[in-house]
């Protein structure tokens, strides 16, 4: 039996709190916290309107070398590591896959994704492809991908290599257990240790943006309300106190 490590999941309150934070806010505030670019580039939503936040189970693919891996699609399934990452699934998890940007290998298909959904998984972020997309999109999972393909996972030049290890996904480092914030703008990785600071900053950001949005919709001056000028911040403070009373 192949042994693969589990992940250390963040406190559920952090995940719940960040559920109200979009990827754009997360990316911008992480930049202010010292992370230059947390966006998983080139990976887009294939399930419009879907938004998820959860810890990352990670799967690494490598270039296939036949002396290391020469399995057919259904031969000895338990040797196929792409199955083993799904065995770790707990409710709210997101699978993040380094498939090297490959567009000819379907990392997961309908059956594997059905299993993942049944275990409580909520999203899949793949620097590569899935197959069986017409069926997969009906599972109510969030899907962030480079594309889709009819091919199975090792039909071309890749082999699954490691589970729950650091990976590169969309040219960005993802550690096992990092939080993923994903929506129509894309997917962003939140280092676990920065999640509390991000939540605090994002909550403040959301509050003043709500005020700014209201004033701009009323015809307010962009130079005054976005970002808040000193005068507008005084106005915002008074507005906020009114909301609390």
C-alpha atoms as a PDB file:
ATOM      1  CA  UNK A   1       0.000   0.000   0.000  1.00  0.00           C
ATOM      2  CA  UNK A   2       1.348   3.422  -0.957  1.00  0.00           C
ATOM      3  CA  UNK A   3       1.683   5.737   2.047  1.00  0.00           C
ATOM      4  CA  UNK A   4       1.110   9.444   1.441  1.00  0.00           C
ATOM      5  CA  UNK A   5       1.155  12.231   4.043  1.00  0.00           C
ATOM      6  CA  UNK A   6      -1.953  14.088   5.136  1.00  0.00           C
ATOM      7  CA  UNK A   7      -2.088  17.896   5.391  1.00  0.00           C
ATOM      8  CA  UNK A   8      -2.326  20.195   8.391  1.00  0.00           C
ATOM      9  CA  UNK A   9      -5.581  22.079   7.913  1.00  0.00           C
ATOM     10  CA  UNK A  10      -6.070  25.645   9.156  1.00  0.00           C
ATOM     11  CA  UNK A  11      -8.615  26.491  11.823  1.00  0.00           C
ATOM     12  CA  UNK A  12     -12.130  26.274  10.424  1.00  0.00           C
ATOM     13  CA  UNK A  13     -12.862  29.839  11.554  1.00  0.00           C
ATOM     14  CA  UNK A  14     -10.197  31.163   9.172  1.00  0.00           C
ATOM     15  CA  UNK A  15     -11.695  29.272   6.261  1.00  0.00           C
ATOM     16  CA  UNK A  16     -15.181  30.487   7.129  1.00  0.00           C
ATOM     17  CA  UNK A  17     -13.996  34.069   7.516  1.00  0.00           C
ATOM     18  CA  UNK A  18     -12.185  34.108   4.187  1.00  0.00           C
ATOM     19  CA  UNK A  19     -15.265  32.759   2.432  1.00  0.00           C
ATOM     20  CA  UNK A  20     -16.444  36.351   2.152  1.00  0.00           C
ATOM     21  CA  UNK A  21     -13.167  37.527   0.614  1.00  0.00           C
ATOM     22  CA  UNK A  22     -12.817  37.436  -3.158  1.00  0.00           C
ATOM     23  CA  UNK A  23      -9.647  36.490  -4.984  1.00  0.00           C
ATOM     24  CA  UNK A  24      -9.018  40.099  -6.061  1.00  0.00           C
ATOM     25  CA  UNK A  25      -9.103  41.371  -2.473  1.00  0.00           C
ATOM     26  CA  UNK A  26      -7.008  38.418  -1.298  1.00  0.00           C
ATOM     27  CA  UNK A  27      -4.385  39.027  -3.979  1.00  0.00           C
ATOM     28  CA  UNK A  28      -4.163  42.750  -3.291  1.00  0.00           C
ATOM     29  CA  UNK A  29      -4.014  42.436   0.476  1.00  0.00           C
ATOM     30  CA  UNK A  30      -1.466  39.611   0.316  1.00  0.00           C
ATOM     31  CA  UNK A  31       0.692  41.920  -1.797  1.00  0.00           C
ATOM     32  CA  UNK A  32       0.502  44.497   1.009  1.00  0.00           C
ATOM     33  CA  UNK A  33       1.455  41.756   3.465  1.00  0.00           C
ATOM     34  CA  UNK A  34       4.620  41.003   1.489  1.00  0.00           C
ATOM     35  CA  UNK A  35       3.567  38.287  -0.975  1.00  0.00           C
ATOM     36  CA  UNK A  36       4.359  39.788  -4.366  1.00  0.00           C
ATOM     37  CA  UNK A  37       2.013  37.632  -6.424  1.00  0.00           C
ATOM     38  CA  UNK A  38      -0.228  34.873  -5.051  1.00  0.00           C
ATOM     39  CA  UNK A  39      -2.279  34.431  -8.235  1.00  0.00           C
ATOM     40  CA  UNK A  40      -2.106  31.021  -9.922  1.00  0.00           C
ATOM     41  CA  UNK A  41      -1.560  32.386 -13.401  1.00  0.00           C
ATOM     42  CA  UNK A  42      -3.155  30.962 -16.526  1.00  0.00           C
ATOM     43  CA  UNK A  43      -5.705  28.874 -14.620  1.00  0.00           C
ATOM     44  CA  UNK A  44      -9.272  30.068 -15.153  1.00  0.00           C
ATOM     45  CA  UNK A  45     -12.728  29.207 -13.899  1.00  0.00           C
ATOM     46  CA  UNK A  46     -14.671  26.659 -15.935  1.00  0.00           C
ATOM     47  CA  UNK A  47     -17.650  26.905 -13.567  1.00  0.00           C
ATOM     48  CA  UNK A  48     -18.757  30.559 -13.774  1.00  0.00           C
ATOM     49  CA  UNK A  49     -20.262  31.951 -10.595  1.00  0.00           C
ATOM     50  CA  UNK A  50     -18.647  29.337  -8.381  1.00  0.00           C
ATOM     51  CA  UNK A  51     -16.500  30.577  -5.471  1.00  0.00           C
ATOM     52  CA  UNK A  52     -14.636  28.389  -2.967  1.00  0.00           C
ATOM     53  CA  UNK A  53     -12.215  28.723  -0.051  1.00  0.00           C
ATOM     54  CA  UNK A  54     -10.472  25.721   1.449  1.00  0.00           C
ATOM     55  CA  UNK A  55      -7.190  23.978   2.270  1.00  0.00           C
ATOM     56  CA  UNK A  56      -5.066  22.533  -0.506  1.00  0.00           C
ATOM     57  CA  UNK A  57      -4.421  18.855  -1.031  1.00  0.00           C
ATOM     58  CA  UNK A  58      -1.509  18.830  -3.486  1.00  0.00           C
ATOM     59  CA  UNK A  59      -0.584  16.489  -6.325  1.00  0.00           C
ATOM     60  CA  UNK A  60       2.624  16.728  -8.329  1.00  0.00           C
ATOM     61  CA  UNK A  61       3.109  15.376 -11.849  1.00  0.00           C
ATOM     62  CA  UNK A  62       6.499  14.940 -13.496  1.00  0.00           C
ATOM     63  CA  UNK A  63       7.628  14.148 -17.043  1.00  0.00           C
ATOM     64  CA  UNK A  64       6.937  10.464 -17.660  1.00  0.00           C
ATOM     65  CA  UNK A  65       9.858   8.054 -17.762  1.00  0.00           C
ATOM     66  CA  UNK A  66       8.782   4.513 -18.523  1.00  0.00           C
ATOM     67  CA  UNK A  67      11.187   2.767 -16.144  1.00  0.00           C
ATOM     68  CA  UNK A  68       9.486   4.736 -13.333  1.00  0.00           C
ATOM     69  CA  UNK A  69       5.890   4.604 -14.498  1.00  0.00           C
ATOM     70  CA  UNK A  70       4.365   2.610 -17.341  1.00  0.00           C
ATOM     71  CA  UNK A  71       0.807   2.033 -16.178  1.00  0.00           C
ATOM     72  CA  UNK A  72      -2.224   1.726 -18.416  1.00  0.00           C
ATOM     73  CA  UNK A  73      -5.390   3.583 -17.412  1.00  0.00           C
ATOM     74  CA  UNK A  74      -6.860   0.729 -15.344  1.00  0.00           C
ATOM     75  CA  UNK A  75      -3.804  -1.427 -14.611  1.00  0.00           C
ATOM     76  CA  UNK A  76      -3.127  -1.852 -10.877  1.00  0.00           C
ATOM     77  CA  UNK A  77      -5.152   1.230  -9.852  1.00  0.00           C
ATOM     78  CA  UNK A  78      -3.545   1.454  -6.407  1.00  0.00           C
ATOM     79  CA  UNK A  79      -0.187   2.316  -7.976  1.00  0.00           C
ATOM     80  CA  UNK A  80      -1.746   5.435  -9.510  1.00  0.00           C
ATOM     81  CA  UNK A  81      -0.912   8.308  -7.184  1.00  0.00           C
ATOM     82  CA  UNK A  82      -3.544  10.622  -8.607  1.00  0.00           C
ATOM     83  CA  UNK A  83      -6.073   8.390  -6.824  1.00  0.00           C
ATOM     84  CA  UNK A  84      -4.238   8.611  -3.513  1.00  0.00           C
ATOM     85  CA  UNK A  85      -4.497  12.381  -3.176  1.00  0.00           C
ATOM     86  CA  UNK A  86      -8.280  11.969  -3.233  1.00  0.00           C
ATOM     87  CA  UNK A  87      -8.171   9.425  -0.394  1.00  0.00           C
ATOM     88  CA  UNK A  88      -7.179  12.285   1.932  1.00  0.00           C
ATOM     89  CA  UNK A  89     -10.289  14.327   1.132  1.00  0.00           C
ATOM     90  CA  UNK A  90     -12.202  15.871   4.013  1.00  0.00           C
ATOM     91  CA  UNK A  91     -15.221  18.163   3.663  1.00  0.00           C
ATOM     92  CA  UNK A  92     -14.186  21.558   2.326  1.00  0.00           C
ATOM     93  CA  UNK A  93     -10.892  20.459   0.745  1.00  0.00           C
ATOM     94  CA  UNK A  94      -9.560  21.646  -2.607  1.00  0.00           C
ATOM     95  CA  UNK A  95      -7.223  19.557  -4.774  1.00  0.00           C
ATOM     96  CA  UNK A  96      -4.413  21.568  -6.351  1.00  0.00           C
ATOM     97  CA  UNK A  97      -2.388  19.893  -9.099  1.00  0.00           C
ATOM     98  CA  UNK A  98       0.918  20.689 -10.739  1.00  0.00           C
ATOM     99  CA  UNK A  99       0.363  19.112 -14.164  1.00  0.00           C
ATOM    100  CA  UNK A 100       3.101  21.266 -15.709  1.00  0.00           C
ATOM    101  CA  UNK A 101       0.611  23.212 -17.834  1.00  0.00           C
ATOM    102  CA  UNK A 102       0.178  20.103 -19.990  1.00  0.00           C
ATOM    103  CA  UNK A 103      -2.858  20.209 -22.277  1.00  0.00           C
ATOM    104  CA  UNK A 104      -2.883  16.550 -23.330  1.00  0.00           C
ATOM    105  CA  UNK A 105      -3.403  14.664 -20.063  1.00  0.00           C
ATOM    106  CA  UNK A 106      -6.699  14.575 -18.187  1.00  0.00           C
ATOM    107  CA  UNK A 107      -5.645  14.505 -14.520  1.00  0.00           C
ATOM    108  CA  UNK A 108      -9.122  13.477 -13.334  1.00  0.00           C
ATOM    109  CA  UNK A 109     -12.278  12.316 -15.062  1.00  0.00           C
ATOM    110  CA  UNK A 110     -15.915  12.077 -14.080  1.00  0.00           C
ATOM    111  CA  UNK A 111     -15.580   9.028 -11.812  1.00  0.00           C
ATOM    112  CA  UNK A 112     -12.652  10.383  -9.801  1.00  0.00           C
ATOM    113  CA  UNK A 113     -14.329  13.764  -9.419  1.00  0.00           C
ATOM    114  CA  UNK A 114     -17.585  12.088  -8.386  1.00  0.00           C
ATOM    115  CA  UNK A 115     -15.667  10.297  -5.622  1.00  0.00           C
ATOM    116  CA  UNK A 116     -14.017  13.571  -4.559  1.00  0.00           C
ATOM    117  CA  UNK A 117     -17.392  15.338  -4.405  1.00  0.00           C
ATOM    118  CA  UNK A 118     -18.877  12.448  -2.442  1.00  0.00           C
ATOM    119  CA  UNK A 119     -16.123  12.817   0.159  1.00  0.00           C
ATOM    120  CA  UNK A 120     -16.926  16.497   0.610  1.00  0.00           C
ATOM    121  CA  UNK A 121     -14.412  18.096  -1.764  1.00  0.00           C
ATOM    122  CA  UNK A 122     -15.436  21.500  -3.076  1.00  0.00           C
ATOM    123  CA  UNK A 123     -12.944  22.497  -5.765  1.00  0.00           C
ATOM    124  CA  UNK A 124     -10.218  21.423  -8.157  1.00  0.00           C
ATOM    125  CA  UNK A 125      -7.384  23.696  -9.318  1.00  0.00           C
ATOM    126  CA  UNK A 126      -5.225  22.148 -12.031  1.00  0.00           C
ATOM    127  CA  UNK A 127      -2.293  23.552 -13.969  1.00  0.00           C
ATOM    128  CA  UNK A 128      -3.449  21.278 -16.764  1.00  0.00           C
ATOM    129  CA  UNK A 129      -6.650  19.505 -17.795  1.00  0.00           C
ATOM    130  CA  UNK A 130      -9.479  17.210 -16.811  1.00  0.00           C
ATOM    131  CA  UNK A 131     -11.528  14.998 -19.097  1.00  0.00           C
ATOM    132  CA  UNK A 132     -15.263  14.160 -19.123  1.00  0.00           C
ATOM    133  CA  UNK A 133     -16.007  17.865 -18.757  1.00  0.00           C
ATOM    134  CA  UNK A 134     -19.697  17.659 -19.801  1.00  0.00           C
ATOM    135  CA  UNK A 135     -20.320  15.314 -16.859  1.00  0.00           C
ATOM    136  CA  UNK A 136     -17.844  16.939 -14.469  1.00  0.00           C
ATOM    137  CA  UNK A 137     -19.441  20.372 -14.746  1.00  0.00           C
ATOM    138  CA  UNK A 138     -22.712  18.888 -13.444  1.00  0.00           C
ATOM    139  CA  UNK A 139     -21.110  17.813 -10.138  1.00  0.00           C
ATOM    140  CA  UNK A 140     -21.352  21.276  -8.552  1.00  0.00           C
ATOM    141  CA  UNK A 141     -17.603  21.390  -7.937  1.00  0.00           C
ATOM    142  CA  UNK A 142     -15.566  24.505  -8.616  1.00  0.00           C
ATOM    143  CA  UNK A 143     -13.227  23.811 -11.542  1.00  0.00           C
ATOM    144  CA  UNK A 144     -10.199  26.011 -12.257  1.00  0.00           C
ATOM    145  CA  UNK A 145      -8.235  24.614 -15.195  1.00  0.00           C
ATOM    146  CA  UNK A 146      -6.035  25.353 -18.171  1.00  0.00           C
ATOM    147  CA  UNK A 147      -8.285  23.284 -20.383  1.00  0.00           C
ATOM    148  CA  UNK A 148     -10.004  19.978 -21.077  1.00  0.00           C
ATOM    149  CA  UNK A 149      -8.979  16.908 -23.059  1.00  0.00           C
ATOM    150  CA  UNK A 150     -10.359  13.481 -23.992  1.00  0.00           C
ATOM    151  CA  UNK A 151      -7.107  11.818 -22.840  1.00  0.00           C
ATOM    152  CA  UNK A 152      -6.558   9.982 -19.542  1.00  0.00           C
ATOM    153  CA  UNK A 153      -3.951  11.048 -17.004  1.00  0.00           C
ATOM    154  CA  UNK A 154      -0.851   9.259 -18.372  1.00  0.00           C
ATOM    155  CA  UNK A 155      -1.837   8.970 -22.016  1.00  0.00           C
ATOM    156  CA  UNK A 156       0.846  11.460 -22.970  1.00  0.00           C
ATOM    157  CA  UNK A 157       3.990  12.739 -21.283  1.00  0.00           C
ATOM    158  CA  UNK A 158       3.134  12.946 -17.572  1.00  0.00           C
ATOM    159  CA  UNK A 159       3.136  10.673 -14.558  1.00  0.00           C
ATOM    160  CA  UNK A 160       1.780  11.345 -11.030  1.00  0.00           C
ATOM    161  CA  UNK A 161       4.802  11.599  -8.770  1.00  0.00           C
ATOM    162  CA  UNK A 162       4.022  12.851  -5.248  1.00  0.00           C
ATOM    163  CA  UNK A 163       1.097  13.665  -2.966  1.00  0.00           C
ATOM    164  CA  UNK A 164       0.899  16.487  -0.404  1.00  0.00           C
ATOM    165  CA  UNK A 165       4.281  17.991  -1.172  1.00  0.00           C
ATOM    166  CA  UNK A 166       5.134  21.577  -2.160  1.00  0.00           C
ATOM    167  CA  UNK A 167       4.184  22.143  -5.802  1.00  0.00           C
ATOM    168  CA  UNK A 168       4.321  24.826  -8.474  1.00  0.00           C
ATOM    169  CA  UNK A 169       0.846  25.605  -9.808  1.00  0.00           C
ATOM    170  CA  UNK A 170       0.340  28.437 -12.259  1.00  0.00           C
ATOM    171  CA  UNK A 171       3.992  29.471 -11.697  1.00  0.00           C
ATOM    172  CA  UNK A 172       3.244  29.909  -7.984  1.00  0.00           C
ATOM    173  CA  UNK A 173       4.320  27.928  -4.920  1.00  0.00           C
ATOM    174  CA  UNK A 174       1.527  26.042  -3.147  1.00  0.00           C
ATOM    175  CA  UNK A 175       2.264  24.283   0.137  1.00  0.00           C
ATOM    176  CA  UNK A 176       0.055  21.433   1.400  1.00  0.00           C
ATOM    177  CA  UNK A 177      -2.607  22.937   3.645  1.00  0.00           C
ATOM    178  CA  UNK A 178      -2.358  26.457   2.227  1.00  0.00           C
ATOM    179  CA  UNK A 179      -5.742  28.089   1.732  1.00  0.00           C
ATOM    180  CA  UNK A 180      -7.042  28.565  -1.783  1.00  0.00           C
ATOM    181  CA  UNK A 181      -9.416  31.444  -2.565  1.00  0.00           C
ATOM    182  CA  UNK A 182     -10.946  30.945  -6.012  1.00  0.00           C
ATOM    183  CA  UNK A 183     -13.739  32.611  -7.975  1.00  0.00           C
ATOM    184  CA  UNK A 184     -14.390  34.027 -11.445  1.00  0.00           C
ATOM    185  CA  UNK A 185     -11.274  36.221 -11.231  1.00  0.00           C
ATOM    186  CA  UNK A 186      -9.050  33.170 -10.724  1.00  0.00           C
ATOM    187  CA  UNK A 187      -7.356  31.275  -7.902  1.00  0.00           C
ATOM    188  CA  UNK A 188      -5.108  32.731  -5.195  1.00  0.00           C
ATOM    189  CA  UNK A 189      -2.978  30.851  -2.666  1.00  0.00           C
ATOM    190  CA  UNK A 190      -2.983  32.115   0.937  1.00  0.00           C
ATOM    191  CA  UNK A 191      -0.065  30.915   3.104  1.00  0.00           C
ATOM    192  CA  UNK A 192      -1.502  29.472   6.308  1.00  0.00           C
ATOM    193  CA  UNK A 193       0.576  31.714   8.547  1.00  0.00           C
ATOM    194  CA  UNK A 194      -0.737  34.842   6.805  1.00  0.00           C
ATOM    195  CA  UNK A 195      -4.409  33.844   6.834  1.00  0.00           C
ATOM    196  CA  UNK A 196      -5.272  35.625  10.140  1.00  0.00           C
ATOM    197  CA  UNK A 197      -3.641  38.884   9.013  1.00  0.00           C
ATOM    198  CA  UNK A 198      -5.313  38.631   5.612  1.00  0.00           C
ATOM    199  CA  UNK A 199      -8.709  38.102   7.209  1.00  0.00           C
ATOM    200  CA  UNK A 200      -8.300  41.165   9.426  1.00  0.00           C
ATOM    201  CA  UNK A 201      -7.082  43.368   6.576  1.00  0.00           C
ATOM    202  CA  UNK A 202      -9.680  42.100   4.116  1.00  0.00           C
ATOM    203  CA  UNK A 203     -12.520  42.715   6.583  1.00  0.00           C
ATOM    204  CA  UNK A 204     -11.483  46.354   6.950  1.00  0.00           C
ATOM    205  CA  UNK A 205     -11.037  46.652   3.180  1.00  0.00           C
ATOM    206  CA  UNK A 206     -14.531  45.287   2.529  1.00  0.00           C
ATOM    207  CA  UNK A 207     -16.103  47.787   4.932  1.00  0.00           C
ATOM    208  CA  UNK A 208     -14.664  50.933   3.369  1.00  0.00           C
ATOM    209  CA  UNK A 209     -15.217  49.604  -0.146  1.00  0.00           C
ATOM    210  CA  UNK A 210     -18.904  49.163   0.673  1.00  0.00           C
ATOM    211  CA  UNK A 211     -19.044  52.837   1.669  1.00  0.00           C
ATOM    212  CA  UNK A 212     -17.036  53.923  -1.396  1.00  0.00           C
ATOM    213  CA  UNK A 213     -19.226  51.879  -3.739  1.00  0.00           C
ATOM    214  CA  UNK A 214     -22.338  53.543  -2.328  1.00  0.00           C
ATOM    215  CA  UNK A 215     -20.923  57.051  -2.744  1.00  0.00           C
ATOM    216  CA  UNK A 216     -19.647  56.372  -6.280  1.00  0.00           C
ATOM    217  CA  UNK A 217     -23.064  54.980  -7.278  1.00  0.00           C
ATOM    218  CA  UNK A 218     -24.536  58.281  -6.078  1.00  0.00           C
ATOM    219  CA  UNK A 219     -22.188  60.178  -8.394  1.00  0.00           C
ATOM    220  CA  UNK A 220     -19.443  60.870  -5.865  1.00  0.00           C
ATOM    221  CA  UNK A 221     -15.976  61.981  -6.955  1.00  0.00           C
ATOM    222  CA  UNK A 222     -13.653  59.062  -7.752  1.00  0.00           C
ATOM    223  CA  UNK A 223     -10.716  61.117  -6.481  1.00  0.00           C
ATOM    224  CA  UNK A 224     -12.433  61.483  -3.114  1.00  0.00           C
ATOM    225  CA  UNK A 225     -13.848  57.997  -2.642  1.00  0.00           C
ATOM    226  CA  UNK A 226     -11.489  55.509  -4.304  1.00  0.00           C
ATOM    227  CA  UNK A 227      -9.235  55.149  -2.507  1.00  0.00           C
ATOM    228  CA  UNK A 228     -10.623  57.089   0.420  1.00  0.00           C
ATOM    229  CA  UNK A 229      -9.129  60.549   0.801  1.00  0.00           C
ATOM    230  CA  UNK A 230      -8.496  61.854   4.313  1.00  0.00           C
ATOM    231  CA  UNK A 231     -11.699  63.910   4.144  1.00  0.00           C
ATOM    232  CA  UNK A 232     -13.690  60.933   2.889  1.00  0.00           C
ATOM    233  CA  UNK A 233     -12.250  58.713   5.606  1.00  0.00           C
ATOM    234  CA  UNK A 234     -13.683  61.057   8.219  1.00  0.00           C
ATOM    235  CA  UNK A 235     -17.013  60.805   6.420  1.00  0.00           C
ATOM    236  CA  UNK A 236     -16.674  57.016   6.303  1.00  0.00           C
ATOM    237  CA  UNK A 237     -16.021  56.849  10.062  1.00  0.00           C
ATOM    238  CA  UNK A 238     -19.192  58.817  10.737  1.00  0.00           C
ATOM    239  CA  UNK A 239     -21.173  56.593   8.343  1.00  0.00           C
ATOM    240  CA  UNK A 240     -19.849  53.479  10.031  1.00  0.00           C
ATOM    241  CA  UNK A 241     -20.867  54.742  13.463  1.00  0.00           C
ATOM    242  CA  UNK A 242     -24.362  55.368  12.129  1.00  0.00           C
ATOM    243  CA  UNK A 243     -24.549  51.772  10.891  1.00  0.00           C
ATOM    244  CA  UNK A 244     -23.561  50.453  14.310  1.00  0.00           C
ATOM    245  CA  UNK A 245     -26.249  52.473  16.141  1.00  0.00           C
END
